[in-house]
Amino acid sequence: MALQDAPVYQGDPGDTQKQVTTLAGGQTGLVTGLSSDGKWWRIVCPDDTVGKCWVSAHPDLTEPKTAPMPGPTQ
């Protein structure tokens, strides 16, 4: 869940990729993985595809609503 507006990037994890949308504060995204460094959640893309859309896992921006998935997926 986004604690405040959080940009969603497409491509590889990181904020140097193309921003495709924003998760508004209070909005949830379906997490499908975690980057190898644990800094990014992989989420379902805005067009409902399961691909390479990422949102920061920084605790000031997002928090899990259920237990995190085990291990990195990148």
PDB file of N, CA and C in Angstrom:
ATOM      1  N   MET A   1       0.842  -1.174   0.000  1.00  0.00           N
ATOM      2  CA  MET A   1       0.000   0.000   0.000  1.00  0.00           C
ATOM      3  C   MET A   1       0.892   1.244   0.000  1.00  0.00           C
ATOM      4  N   ALA A   2       0.513   2.213  -0.808  1.00  0.00           N
ATOM      5  CA  ALA A   2       1.256   3.468  -0.851  1.00  0.00           C
ATOM      6  C   ALA A   2       0.856   4.324   0.354  1.00  0.00           C
ATOM      7  N   LEU A   3       1.840   4.797   1.087  1.00  0.00           N
ATOM      8  CA  LEU A   3       1.589   5.668   2.234  1.00  0.00           C
ATOM      9  C   LEU A   3       1.442   7.125   1.790  1.00  0.00           C
ATOM     10  N   GLN A   4       1.989   7.426   0.638  1.00  0.00           N
ATOM     11  CA  GLN A   4       1.861   8.726  -0.017  1.00  0.00           C
ATOM     12  C   GLN A   4       1.996   8.440  -1.511  1.00  0.00           C
ATOM     13  N   ASP A   5       1.768   9.432  -2.346  1.00  0.00           N
ATOM     14  CA  ASP A   5       1.891   9.201  -3.781  1.00  0.00           C
ATOM     15  C   ASP A   5       3.268   8.620  -4.094  1.00  0.00           C
ATOM     16  N   ALA A   6       3.284   7.488  -4.810  1.00  0.00           N
ATOM     17  CA  ALA A   6       4.536   6.791  -5.114  1.00  0.00           C
ATOM     18  C   ALA A   6       4.585   6.497  -6.610  1.00  0.00           C
ATOM     19  N   PRO A   7       5.639   6.957  -7.300  1.00  0.00           N
ATOM     20  CA  PRO A   7       5.756   6.701  -8.728  1.00  0.00           C
ATOM     21  C   PRO A   7       5.946   5.221  -9.032  1.00  0.00           C
ATOM     22  N   VAL A   8       5.372   4.790 -10.146  1.00  0.00           N
ATOM     23  CA  VAL A   8       5.526   3.424 -10.641  1.00  0.00           C
ATOM     24  C   VAL A   8       6.353   3.502 -11.918  1.00  0.00           C
ATOM     25  N   TYR A   9       7.422   2.709 -11.960  1.00  0.00           N
ATOM     26  CA  TYR A   9       8.342   2.709 -13.090  1.00  0.00           C
ATOM     27  C   TYR A   9       8.239   1.393 -13.842  1.00  0.00           C
ATOM     28  N   GLN A  10       8.478   1.460 -15.149  1.00  0.00           N
ATOM     29  CA  GLN A  10       8.455   0.256 -15.973  1.00  0.00           C
ATOM     30  C   GLN A  10       9.848  -0.011 -16.504  1.00  0.00           C
ATOM     31  N   GLY A  11      10.252  -1.260 -16.481  1.00  0.00           N
ATOM     32  CA  GLY A  11      11.588  -1.657 -16.918  1.00  0.00           C
ATOM     33  C   GLY A  11      12.261  -2.405 -15.797  1.00  0.00           C
ATOM     34  N   ASP A  12      13.501  -2.088 -15.538  1.00  0.00           N
ATOM     35  CA  ASP A  12      14.235  -2.683 -14.428  1.00  0.00           C
ATOM     36  C   ASP A  12      13.975  -1.862 -13.172  1.00  0.00           C
ATOM     37  N   PRO A  13      14.157  -2.439 -11.971  1.00  0.00           N
ATOM     38  CA  PRO A  13      13.932  -1.665 -10.753  1.00  0.00           C
ATOM     39  C   PRO A  13      14.843  -0.448 -10.690  1.00  0.00           C
ATOM     40  N   GLY A  14      14.277   0.673 -10.317  1.00  0.00           N
ATOM     41  CA  GLY A  14      15.053   1.899 -10.180  1.00  0.00           C
ATOM     42  C   GLY A  14      14.286   3.098 -10.701  1.00  0.00           C
ATOM     43  N   ASP A  15      14.645   4.258 -10.186  1.00  0.00           N
ATOM     44  CA  ASP A  15      13.908   5.456 -10.568  1.00  0.00           C
ATOM     45  C   ASP A  15      14.492   6.137 -11.805  1.00  0.00           C
ATOM     46  N   THR A  16      15.398   5.453 -12.514  1.00  0.00           N
ATOM     47  CA  THR A  16      15.919   6.003 -13.765  1.00  0.00           C
ATOM     48  C   THR A  16      15.141   5.477 -14.969  1.00  0.00           C
ATOM     49  N   GLN A  17      14.156   4.626 -14.726  1.00  0.00           N
ATOM     50  CA  GLN A  17      13.335   4.051 -15.786  1.00  0.00           C
ATOM     51  C   GLN A  17      12.161   4.977 -16.104  1.00  0.00           C
ATOM     52  N   LYS A  18      11.347   4.596 -17.066  1.00  0.00           N
ATOM     53  CA  LYS A  18      10.183   5.383 -17.468  1.00  0.00           C
ATOM     54  C   LYS A  18       9.085   5.278 -16.407  1.00  0.00           C
ATOM     55  N   GLN A  19       8.624   6.436 -15.902  1.00  0.00           N
ATOM     56  CA  GLN A  19       7.503   6.436 -14.966  1.00  0.00           C
ATOM     57  C   GLN A  19       6.223   6.262 -15.771  1.00  0.00           C
ATOM     58  N   VAL A  20       5.399   5.259 -15.397  1.00  0.00           N
ATOM     59  CA  VAL A  20       4.185   4.976 -16.152  1.00  0.00           C
ATOM     60  C   VAL A  20       2.915   5.412 -15.428  1.00  0.00           C
ATOM     61  N   THR A  21       2.981   5.553 -14.125  1.00  0.00           N
ATOM     62  CA  THR A  21       1.819   5.985 -13.353  1.00  0.00           C
ATOM     63  C   THR A  21       2.269   6.299 -11.934  1.00  0.00           C
ATOM     64  N   THR A  22       1.317   6.593 -11.091  1.00  0.00           N
ATOM     65  CA  THR A  22       1.572   6.847  -9.676  1.00  0.00           C
ATOM     66  C   THR A  22       0.555   6.064  -8.861  1.00  0.00           C
ATOM     67  N   LEU A  23       1.019   5.404  -7.806  1.00  0.00           N
ATOM     68  CA  LEU A  23       0.100   4.838  -6.818  1.00  0.00           C
ATOM     69  C   LEU A  23      -0.226   5.971  -5.857  1.00  0.00           C
ATOM     70  N   ALA A  24      -1.480   6.325  -5.759  1.00  0.00           N
ATOM     71  CA  ALA A  24      -1.887   7.400  -4.859  1.00  0.00           C
ATOM     72  C   ALA A  24      -1.808   6.917  -3.415  1.00  0.00           C
ATOM     73  N   GLY A  25      -1.564   7.843  -2.498  1.00  0.00           N
ATOM     74  CA  GLY A  25      -1.548   7.491  -1.083  1.00  0.00           C
ATOM     75  C   GLY A  25      -2.804   6.723  -0.704  1.00  0.00           C
ATOM     76  N   GLY A  26      -2.658   5.569  -0.072  1.00  0.00           N
ATOM     77  CA  GLY A  26      -3.775   4.712   0.311  1.00  0.00           C
ATOM     78  C   GLY A  26      -4.124   3.657  -0.726  1.00  0.00           C
ATOM     79  N   GLN A  27      -3.621   3.806  -1.946  1.00  0.00           N
ATOM     80  CA  GLN A  27      -3.898   2.840  -3.008  1.00  0.00           C
ATOM     81  C   GLN A  27      -2.993   1.629  -2.849  1.00  0.00           C
ATOM     82  N   THR A  28      -3.492   0.469  -3.233  1.00  0.00           N
ATOM     83  CA  THR A  28      -2.695  -0.752  -3.162  1.00  0.00           C
ATOM     84  C   THR A  28      -2.364  -1.238  -4.568  1.00  0.00           C
ATOM     85  N   GLY A  29      -1.267  -1.960  -4.666  1.00  0.00           N
ATOM     86  CA  GLY A  29      -0.867  -2.612  -5.907  1.00  0.00           C
ATOM     87  C   GLY A  29      -0.611  -4.077  -5.603  1.00  0.00           C
ATOM     88  N   LEU A  30      -0.854  -4.917  -6.589  1.00  0.00           N
ATOM     89  CA  LEU A  30      -0.628  -6.350  -6.408  1.00  0.00           C
ATOM     90  C   LEU A  30       0.858  -6.645  -6.609  1.00  0.00           C
ATOM     91  N   VAL A  31       1.528  -7.017  -5.540  1.00  0.00           N
ATOM     92  CA  VAL A  31       2.959  -7.297  -5.575  1.00  0.00           C
ATOM     93  C   VAL A  31       3.187  -8.694  -6.128  1.00  0.00           C
ATOM     94  N   THR A  32       4.119  -8.776  -7.112  1.00  0.00           N
ATOM     95  CA  THR A  32       4.451 -10.063  -7.711  1.00  0.00           C
ATOM     96  C   THR A  32       5.903 -10.452  -7.471  1.00  0.00           C
ATOM     97  N   GLY A  33       6.659  -9.592  -6.786  1.00  0.00           N
ATOM     98  CA  GLY A  33       8.048  -9.914  -6.509  1.00  0.00           C
ATOM     99  C   GLY A  33       8.759  -8.781  -5.795  1.00  0.00           C
ATOM    100  N   LEU A  34      10.023  -9.005  -5.519  1.00  0.00           N
ATOM    101  CA  LEU A  34      10.877  -8.059  -4.812  1.00  0.00           C
ATOM    102  C   LEU A  34      12.222  -8.029  -5.521  1.00  0.00           C
ATOM    103  N   SER A  35      12.799  -6.831  -5.686  1.00  0.00           N
ATOM    104  CA  SER A  35      14.112  -6.739  -6.338  1.00  0.00           C
ATOM    105  C   SER A  35      15.167  -7.439  -5.489  1.00  0.00           C
ATOM    106  N   SER A  36      16.270  -7.799  -6.127  1.00  0.00           N
ATOM    107  CA  SER A  36      17.319  -8.543  -5.426  1.00  0.00           C
ATOM    108  C   SER A  36      17.923  -7.755  -4.272  1.00  0.00           C
ATOM    109  N   ASP A  37      17.878  -6.407  -4.353  1.00  0.00           N
ATOM    110  CA  ASP A  37      18.416  -5.600  -3.251  1.00  0.00           C
ATOM    111  C   ASP A  37      17.351  -5.254  -2.202  1.00  0.00           C
ATOM    112  N   GLY A  38      16.112  -5.689  -2.429  1.00  0.00           N
ATOM    113  CA  GLY A  38      15.028  -5.466  -1.474  1.00  0.00           C
ATOM    114  C   GLY A  38      14.485  -4.045  -1.455  1.00  0.00           C
ATOM    115  N   LYS A  39      14.872  -3.221  -2.434  1.00  0.00           N
ATOM    116  CA  LYS A  39      14.463  -1.819  -2.433  1.00  0.00           C
ATOM    117  C   LYS A  39      13.239  -1.522  -3.300  1.00  0.00           C
ATOM    118  N   TRP A  40      12.799  -2.498  -4.093  1.00  0.00           N
ATOM    119  CA  TRP A  40      11.697  -2.272  -5.029  1.00  0.00           C
ATOM    120  C   TRP A  40      10.722  -3.440  -5.025  1.00  0.00           C
ATOM    121  N   TRP A  41       9.418  -3.122  -5.006  1.00  0.00           N
ATOM    122  CA  TRP A  41       8.368  -4.123  -5.185  1.00  0.00           C
ATOM    123  C   TRP A  41       8.060  -4.217  -6.677  1.00  0.00           C
ATOM    124  N   ARG A  42       7.988  -5.423  -7.215  1.00  0.00           N
ATOM    125  CA  ARG A  42       7.478  -5.607  -8.570  1.00  0.00           C
ATOM    126  C   ARG A  42       5.967  -5.745  -8.444  1.00  0.00           C
ATOM    127  N   ILE A  43       5.233  -4.963  -9.213  1.00  0.00           N
ATOM    128  CA  ILE A  43       3.777  -4.982  -9.119  1.00  0.00           C
ATOM    129  C   ILE A  43       3.152  -5.224 -10.489  1.00  0.00           C
ATOM    130  N   VAL A  44       1.861  -5.552 -10.487  1.00  0.00           N
ATOM    131  CA  VAL A  44       1.121  -5.683 -11.736  1.00  0.00           C
ATOM    132  C   VAL A  44       1.076  -4.304 -12.389  1.00  0.00           C
ATOM    133  N   CYS A  45       1.406  -4.243 -13.675  1.00  0.00           N
ATOM    134  CA  CYS A  45       1.451  -2.983 -14.410  1.00  0.00           C
ATOM    135  C   CYS A  45       0.053  -2.381 -14.556  1.00  0.00           C
ATOM    136  N   PRO A  46      -0.026  -1.082 -14.834  1.00  0.00           N
ATOM    137  CA  PRO A  46      -1.323  -0.409 -14.953  1.00  0.00           C
ATOM    138  C   PRO A  46      -2.244  -1.018 -16.007  1.00  0.00           C
ATOM    139  N   ASP A  47      -1.676  -1.656 -17.029  1.00  0.00           N
ATOM    140  CA  ASP A  47      -2.517  -2.281 -18.053  1.00  0.00           C
ATOM    141  C   ASP A  47      -2.877  -3.724 -17.686  1.00  0.00           C
ATOM    142  N   ASP A  48      -2.693  -4.070 -16.397  1.00  0.00           N
ATOM    143  CA  ASP A  48      -3.016  -5.388 -15.833  1.00  0.00           C
ATOM    144  C   ASP A  48      -2.088  -6.505 -16.289  1.00  0.00           C
ATOM    145  N   THR A  49      -0.959  -6.165 -16.875  1.00  0.00           N
ATOM    146  CA  THR A  49      -0.001  -7.198 -17.220  1.00  0.00           C
ATOM    147  C   THR A  49       0.943  -7.422 -16.047  1.00  0.00           C
ATOM    148  N   VAL A  50       1.411  -8.645 -15.940  1.00  0.00           N
ATOM    149  CA  VAL A  50       2.416  -8.954 -14.925  1.00  0.00           C
ATOM    150  C   VAL A  50       3.744  -8.885 -15.651  1.00  0.00           C
ATOM    151  N   GLY A  51       4.422  -7.799 -15.476  1.00  0.00           N
ATOM    152  CA  GLY A  51       5.670  -7.582 -16.187  1.00  0.00           C
ATOM    153  C   GLY A  51       6.671  -6.913 -15.298  1.00  0.00           C
ATOM    154  N   LYS A  52       7.256  -5.874 -15.817  1.00  0.00           N
ATOM    155  CA  LYS A  52       8.315  -5.199 -15.089  1.00  0.00           C
ATOM    156  C   LYS A  52       7.882  -3.809 -14.667  1.00  0.00           C
ATOM    157  N   CYS A  53       6.933  -3.740 -13.769  1.00  0.00           N
ATOM    158  CA  CYS A  53       6.548  -2.467 -13.157  1.00  0.00           C
ATOM    159  C   CYS A  53       7.005  -2.511 -11.711  1.00  0.00           C
ATOM    160  N   TRP A  54       7.583  -1.390 -11.257  1.00  0.00           N
ATOM    161  CA  TRP A  54       8.221  -1.352  -9.948  1.00  0.00           C
ATOM    162  C   TRP A  54       7.814  -0.114  -9.176  1.00  0.00           C
ATOM    163  N   VAL A  55       7.666  -0.273  -7.871  1.00  0.00           N
ATOM    164  CA  VAL A  55       7.421   0.843  -6.965  1.00  0.00           C
ATOM    165  C   VAL A  55       8.384   0.686  -5.786  1.00  0.00           C
ATOM    166  N   SER A  56       8.823   1.793  -5.254  1.00  0.00           N
ATOM    167  CA  SER A  56       9.795   1.759  -4.167  1.00  0.00           C
ATOM    168  C   SER A  56       9.266   0.979  -2.965  1.00  0.00           C
ATOM    169  N   ALA A  57      10.142   0.211  -2.348  1.00  0.00           N
ATOM    170  CA  ALA A  57       9.801  -0.503  -1.115  1.00  0.00           C
ATOM    171  C   ALA A  57      10.240   0.288   0.112  1.00  0.00           C
ATOM    172  N   HIS A  58      10.640   1.558  -0.084  1.00  0.00           N
ATOM    173  CA  HIS A  58      11.083   2.382   1.043  1.00  0.00           C
ATOM    174  C   HIS A  58       9.919   2.529   2.029  1.00  0.00           C
ATOM    175  N   PRO A  59      10.153   2.313   3.323  1.00  0.00           N
ATOM    176  CA  PRO A  59       9.064   2.337   4.302  1.00  0.00           C
ATOM    177  C   PRO A  59       8.383   3.697   4.459  1.00  0.00           C
ATOM    178  N   ASP A  60       8.980   4.769   3.954  1.00  0.00           N
ATOM    179  CA  ASP A  60       8.297   6.069   3.969  1.00  0.00           C
ATOM    180  C   ASP A  60       7.264   6.178   2.850  1.00  0.00           C
ATOM    181  N   LEU A  61       7.404   5.322   1.816  1.00  0.00           N
ATOM    182  CA  LEU A  61       6.501   5.391   0.658  1.00  0.00           C
ATOM    183  C   LEU A  61       5.477   4.272   0.619  1.00  0.00           C
ATOM    184  N   THR A  62       5.895   3.069   0.985  1.00  0.00           N
ATOM    185  CA  THR A  62       5.006   1.911   0.861  1.00  0.00           C
ATOM    186  C   THR A  62       5.153   0.986   2.061  1.00  0.00           C
ATOM    187  N   GLU A  63       4.123   0.176   2.273  1.00  0.00           N
ATOM    188  CA  GLU A  63       4.193  -0.858   3.300  1.00  0.00           C
ATOM    189  C   GLU A  63       3.381  -2.058   2.836  1.00  0.00           C
ATOM    190  N   PRO A  64       3.842  -3.258   3.170  1.00  0.00           N
ATOM    191  CA  PRO A  64       3.087  -4.450   2.784  1.00  0.00           C
ATOM    192  C   PRO A  64       1.796  -4.550   3.602  1.00  0.00           C
ATOM    193  N   LYS A  65       0.757  -5.032   2.979  1.00  0.00           N
ATOM    194  CA  LYS A  65      -0.501  -5.271   3.686  1.00  0.00           C
ATOM    195  C   LYS A  65      -0.615  -6.725   4.108  1.00  0.00           C
ATOM    196  N   THR A  66       0.230  -7.598   3.565  1.00  0.00           N
ATOM    197  CA  THR A  66       0.336  -8.993   3.975  1.00  0.00           C
ATOM    198  C   THR A  66       1.822  -9.290   4.071  1.00  0.00           C
ATOM    199  N   ALA A  67       2.167 -10.498   4.474  1.00  0.00           N
ATOM    200  CA  ALA A  67       3.570 -10.873   4.621  1.00  0.00           C
ATOM    201  C   ALA A  67       4.291 -10.752   3.280  1.00  0.00           C
ATOM    202  N   PRO A  68       5.507 -10.184   3.265  1.00  0.00           N
ATOM    203  CA  PRO A  68       6.276 -10.081   2.018  1.00  0.00           C
ATOM    204  C   PRO A  68       6.580 -11.445   1.440  1.00  0.00           C
ATOM    205  N   MET A  69       6.741 -11.491   0.132  1.00  0.00           N
ATOM    206  CA  MET A  69       7.104 -12.735  -0.546  1.00  0.00           C
ATOM    207  C   MET A  69       8.534 -13.093  -0.180  1.00  0.00           C
ATOM    208  N   PRO A  70       8.831 -14.385  -0.032  1.00  0.00           N
ATOM    209  CA  PRO A  70      10.191 -14.766   0.329  1.00  0.00           C
ATOM    210  C   PRO A  70      11.167 -14.595  -0.825  1.00  0.00           C
ATOM    211  N   GLY A  71      12.327 -14.050  -0.525  1.00  0.00           N
ATOM    212  CA  GLY A  71      13.428 -14.003  -1.480  1.00  0.00           C
ATOM    213  C   GLY A  71      13.257 -13.056  -2.638  1.00  0.00           C
ATOM    214  N   PRO A  72      14.358 -12.640  -3.237  1.00  0.00           N
ATOM    215  CA  PRO A  72      14.335 -11.757  -4.388  1.00  0.00           C
ATOM    216  C   PRO A  72      13.852 -12.474  -5.643  1.00  0.00           C
ATOM    217  N   THR A  73      13.284 -11.689  -6.572  1.00  0.00           N
ATOM    218  CA  THR A  73      12.761 -12.271  -7.802  1.00  0.00           C
ATOM    219  C   THR A  73      13.396 -11.689  -9.047  1.00  0.00           C
ATOM    220  N   GLN A  74      14.316 -10.786  -8.891  1.00  0.00           N
ATOM    221  CA  GLN A  74      14.948 -10.181 -10.071  1.00  0.00           C
ATOM    222  C   GLN A  74      16.096 -11.018 -10.524  1.00  0.00           C
TER     223      GLN A  74
END
